[in-house]
Amino acid sequence: LHIKAHEYKCTNTDCNASTIAENFNGFLNYYSRMTERCADFICSLALETSCEGCSRICKVLGIKISGDTVIRLLLKRYQAMEHDFTGDKIGIDNFAYKKRHTYGTIIVDEETHNPITLLDGRDGGALRKWLKNNKHIKVITRDRASAYAKVIAEELPDAMQVADRFHLHQNLLEAIKKALNHELPATIKIPHNDEPEESHETDKKNCTGCG
């Protein structure tokens, strides 16, 4: 596909742009390697399958694209989207892109239960930058990660931090388990009073021999 596009040089010394390139919005943008229609198809296919699966299917169709390029294309489309206003109550948790290797942070609107954004890493660095641009947050539910708690306390000291339901249930079950283990013995034997002692010994010997 060959397209003739013009590039103009700006003679205004006060202008930040030195050159102005002609583009075809809605069809082929500046620096694009594919048409917008092709990019829409690839993004839709990636969302229905996966980035690597999309790459393999595209190769069969004659479109040479790698899984990493599909990811970059999806991120570019996501960054260009208009995001809805974020409420003052959010939830924060970490997730794994690849377990034990790469992790991220997800922020969810507590009122609508819709994801707001995805951040790289779970050490709190990206979260700090996001909170600086969202000072209106008043209530934050989070897990027990100390990194999140420290960043929230430093950036939003007046915000209320609430432990999420999953970790509260987990702590309750651990407390109940410790209490039961402390009060009840590890092994409880129930004797059979209606049977003679010899039969008990015989049964134990047989069970030991069979086991």
Protein backbone atom coordinates (compact mmCIF):
# COMPACT_ATOMS: atom_id res chain seq x y z
CA LEU A 1 0.00 0.00 0.00
CA HIS A 2 1.71 3.21 -1.20
CA ILE A 3 0.36 6.57 -0.05
CA LYS A 4 1.76 9.97 -0.94
CA ALA A 5 1.79 12.22 2.13
CA HIS A 6 3.28 15.69 2.45
CA GLU A 7 5.48 17.00 5.22
CA TYR A 8 5.69 20.74 5.79
CA LYS A 9 8.40 22.69 7.56
CA CYS A 10 7.24 25.30 10.04
CA THR A 11 8.93 28.69 9.58
CA ASN A 12 7.63 30.08 12.87
CA THR A 13 10.55 30.16 15.31
CA ASP A 14 8.18 30.31 18.30
CA CYS A 15 6.43 27.07 17.31
CA ASN A 16 7.38 23.88 19.17
CA ALA A 17 6.88 21.70 16.06
CA SER A 18 9.61 21.93 13.43
CA THR A 19 7.69 19.93 10.81
CA ILE A 20 4.02 19.13 10.20
CA ALA A 21 3.24 15.81 8.51
CA GLU A 22 0.04 15.02 6.67
CA ASN A 23 -1.94 12.07 8.00
CA PHE A 24 -5.18 10.29 7.17
CA ASN A 25 -7.18 10.21 10.39
CA GLY A 26 -9.48 7.24 10.64
CA PHE A 27 -7.57 5.34 7.98
CA LEU A 28 -3.80 5.63 8.47
CA ASN A 29 -2.20 7.83 11.11
CA TYR A 30 1.28 9.29 11.20
CA TYR A 31 4.06 6.71 11.82
CA SER A 32 1.52 3.86 11.54
CA ARG A 33 2.61 0.52 10.09
CA MET A 34 -0.96 -0.65 9.60
CA THR A 35 -4.36 0.84 8.84
CA GLU A 36 -6.78 1.63 11.64
CA ARG A 37 -9.13 -1.05 10.31
CA CYS A 38 -6.36 -3.66 10.60
CA ALA A 39 -5.48 -2.44 14.12
CA ASP A 40 -9.14 -2.72 15.16
CA PHE A 41 -9.25 -6.30 13.90
CA ILE A 42 -6.05 -7.25 15.76
CA CYS A 43 -7.25 -5.69 19.03
CA SER A 44 -10.64 -7.43 18.81
CA LEU A 45 -8.96 -10.76 18.07
CA ALA A 46 -6.50 -10.34 20.96
CA LEU A 47 -9.31 -9.58 23.43
CA GLU A 48 -11.23 -12.68 22.32
CA THR A 49 -8.19 -15.01 22.40
CA SER A 50 -4.81 -13.86 23.71
CA CYS A 51 -1.87 -11.81 22.46
CA GLU A 52 0.18 -14.86 21.46
CA GLY A 53 -2.86 -16.61 20.00
CA CYS A 54 -3.71 -13.48 18.05
CA SER A 55 -0.17 -13.39 16.66
CA ARG A 56 -0.38 -16.99 15.44
CA ILE A 57 -3.78 -16.46 13.80
CA CYS A 58 -2.60 -13.25 12.12
CA LYS A 59 0.40 -15.05 10.62
CA VAL A 60 -1.97 -17.54 8.99
CA LEU A 61 -3.92 -14.59 7.55
CA GLY A 62 -0.74 -13.01 6.18
CA ILE A 63 -0.35 -10.35 8.90
CA LYS A 64 3.10 -10.53 10.47
CA ILE A 65 2.88 -9.30 14.05
CA SER A 66 4.37 -10.55 17.32
CA GLY A 67 2.64 -11.00 20.65
CA ASP A 68 4.68 -8.14 22.18
CA THR A 69 3.54 -5.81 19.39
CA VAL A 70 -0.07 -6.79 20.08
CA ILE A 71 0.43 -5.88 23.75
CA ARG A 72 1.90 -2.50 22.81
CA LEU A 73 -1.01 -1.88 20.45
CA LEU A 74 -3.54 -2.68 23.18
CA LEU A 75 -1.75 -0.41 25.68
CA LYS A 76 -1.67 2.41 23.11
CA ARG A 77 -5.41 2.05 22.52
CA TYR A 78 -6.04 1.94 26.28
CA GLN A 79 -4.04 5.11 26.93
CA ALA A 80 -5.96 6.92 24.20
CA MET A 81 -9.32 6.04 25.76
CA GLU A 82 -11.33 8.59 27.69
CA HIS A 83 -11.50 7.39 31.29
CA ASP A 84 -14.56 7.93 33.46
CA PHE A 85 -14.41 10.05 36.58
CA THR A 86 -13.04 8.14 39.56
CA GLY A 87 -15.15 8.13 42.71
CA ASP A 88 -13.77 8.80 46.19
CA LYS A 89 -13.90 5.10 47.20
CA ILE A 90 -11.44 2.70 45.56
CA GLY A 91 -10.04 -0.79 46.08
CA ILE A 92 -6.39 -1.73 45.53
CA ASP A 93 -4.92 -5.21 45.08
CA ASN A 94 -2.01 -6.87 43.30
CA PHE A 95 -2.14 -9.54 40.60
CA ALA A 96 0.35 -11.62 38.64
CA TYR A 97 1.04 -11.17 34.94
CA LYS A 98 3.32 -14.20 35.34
CA LYS A 99 3.39 -15.90 38.75
CA ARG A 100 6.65 -15.40 40.70
CA HIS A 101 8.00 -13.15 37.93
CA THR A 102 5.94 -10.08 36.99
CA TYR A 103 3.24 -8.43 39.08
CA GLY A 104 0.93 -5.46 38.73
CA THR A 105 -1.56 -3.39 40.72
CA ILE A 106 -5.24 -3.03 39.89
CA ILE A 107 -7.44 -0.14 41.10
CA VAL A 108 -11.22 -0.67 41.18
CA ASP A 109 -14.07 1.76 41.79
CA GLU A 110 -15.85 0.47 44.90
CA GLU A 111 -19.21 1.97 43.91
CA THR A 112 -19.41 0.60 40.36
CA HIS A 113 -17.02 -2.38 40.85
CA ASN A 114 -15.41 -1.48 37.51
CA PRO A 115 -11.62 -1.50 36.99
CA ILE A 116 -10.14 2.00 36.84
CA THR A 117 -6.55 1.36 35.82
CA LEU A 118 -3.69 -1.14 35.85
CA LEU A 119 -0.28 -0.17 37.25
CA ASP A 120 3.08 -1.86 36.82
CA GLY A 121 4.66 -3.46 39.86
CA ARG A 122 3.37 -3.94 43.40
CA ASP A 123 6.03 -2.03 45.36
CA GLY A 124 3.92 1.12 45.51
CA GLY A 125 5.98 3.31 43.16
CA ALA A 126 3.38 3.49 40.39
CA LEU A 127 0.60 3.76 42.98
CA ARG A 128 2.27 6.83 44.48
CA LYS A 129 2.25 8.62 41.12
CA TRP A 130 -1.43 7.72 40.58
CA LEU A 131 -2.48 8.95 44.02
CA LYS A 132 -0.75 12.31 43.47
CA ASN A 133 -3.16 12.92 40.58
CA ASN A 134 -6.22 11.71 42.54
CA LYS A 135 -6.17 13.61 45.82
CA HIS A 136 -9.96 13.40 46.13
CA ILE A 137 -9.86 9.75 47.28
CA LYS A 138 -11.34 9.35 50.78
CA VAL A 139 -11.72 5.59 51.38
CA ILE A 140 -9.32 2.86 50.19
CA THR A 141 -9.78 -0.88 50.67
CA ARG A 142 -6.58 -2.89 50.34
CA ASP A 143 -4.82 -6.09 51.33
CA ARG A 144 -2.23 -6.44 54.10
CA ALA A 145 0.71 -5.32 51.93
CA SER A 146 2.85 -2.86 53.87
CA ALA A 147 4.00 -1.14 50.66
CA TYR A 148 0.46 -0.02 49.84
CA ALA A 149 -0.24 1.10 53.41
CA LYS A 150 2.94 3.21 53.54
CA VAL A 151 2.30 4.93 50.22
CA ILE A 152 -1.33 5.71 51.08
CA ALA A 153 -0.38 7.09 54.49
CA GLU A 154 2.24 9.37 52.93
CA GLU A 155 0.23 10.61 49.94
CA LEU A 156 -3.29 10.63 51.45
CA PRO A 157 -2.90 10.86 55.24
CA ASP A 158 -6.58 11.78 55.72
CA ALA A 159 -7.92 8.85 53.69
CA MET A 160 -9.48 5.91 55.55
CA GLN A 161 -7.75 2.57 54.93
CA VAL A 162 -9.97 -0.51 55.20
CA ALA A 163 -8.85 -4.15 55.06
CA ASP A 164 -10.70 -6.00 52.32
CA ARG A 165 -13.21 -8.77 53.05
CA PHE A 166 -11.03 -11.63 51.77
CA HIS A 167 -8.18 -10.90 54.19
CA LEU A 168 -10.58 -10.32 57.09
CA HIS A 169 -12.09 -13.78 56.48
CA GLN A 170 -8.59 -15.25 56.17
CA ASN A 171 -7.50 -13.72 59.49
CA LEU A 172 -10.71 -14.94 61.18
CA LEU A 173 -10.17 -18.52 59.98
CA GLU A 174 -6.55 -18.45 61.19
CA ALA A 175 -7.63 -17.17 64.61
CA ILE A 176 -10.31 -19.89 64.93
CA LYS A 177 -7.82 -22.57 63.89
CA LYS A 178 -5.28 -21.43 66.48
CA ALA A 179 -7.94 -21.34 69.22
CA LEU A 180 -9.17 -24.85 68.41
CA ASN A 181 -5.64 -26.24 68.26
CA HIS A 182 -4.93 -24.70 71.66
CA GLU A 183 -8.07 -26.05 73.36
CA LEU A 184 -8.46 -29.46 71.70
CA PRO A 185 -5.83 -32.23 71.67
CA ALA A 186 -4.30 -33.19 68.38
CA THR A 187 -5.67 -36.77 68.60
CA ILE A 188 -8.98 -37.82 70.15
CA LYS A 189 -9.48 -41.53 70.88
CA ILE A 190 -12.99 -42.94 71.33
CA PRO A 191 -12.88 -46.34 73.13
CA HIS A 192 -15.44 -49.10 72.48
CA ASN A 193 -16.70 -49.97 75.97
CA ASP A 194 -18.96 -52.84 74.78
CA GLU A 195 -16.03 -54.87 73.46
CA PRO A 196 -13.51 -56.83 75.62
CA GLU A 197 -9.95 -55.56 75.94
CA GLU A 198 -8.52 -58.62 74.12
CA SER A 199 -10.52 -57.86 71.00
CA HIS A 200 -9.14 -54.29 71.08
CA GLU A 201 -5.59 -55.59 71.16
CA THR A 202 -6.32 -58.05 68.36
CA ASP A 203 -7.86 -55.35 66.19
CA LYS A 204 -4.91 -53.07 66.77
CA LYS A 205 -2.45 -55.81 65.85
CA ASN A 206 -4.40 -56.66 62.70
CA CYS A 207 -4.68 -53.03 61.70
CA THR A 208 -0.97 -52.55 62.26
CA GLY A 209 -0.11 -55.62 60.25
CA CYS A 210 -2.43 -54.66 57.39
CA GLY A 211 -1.30 -51.05 57.38
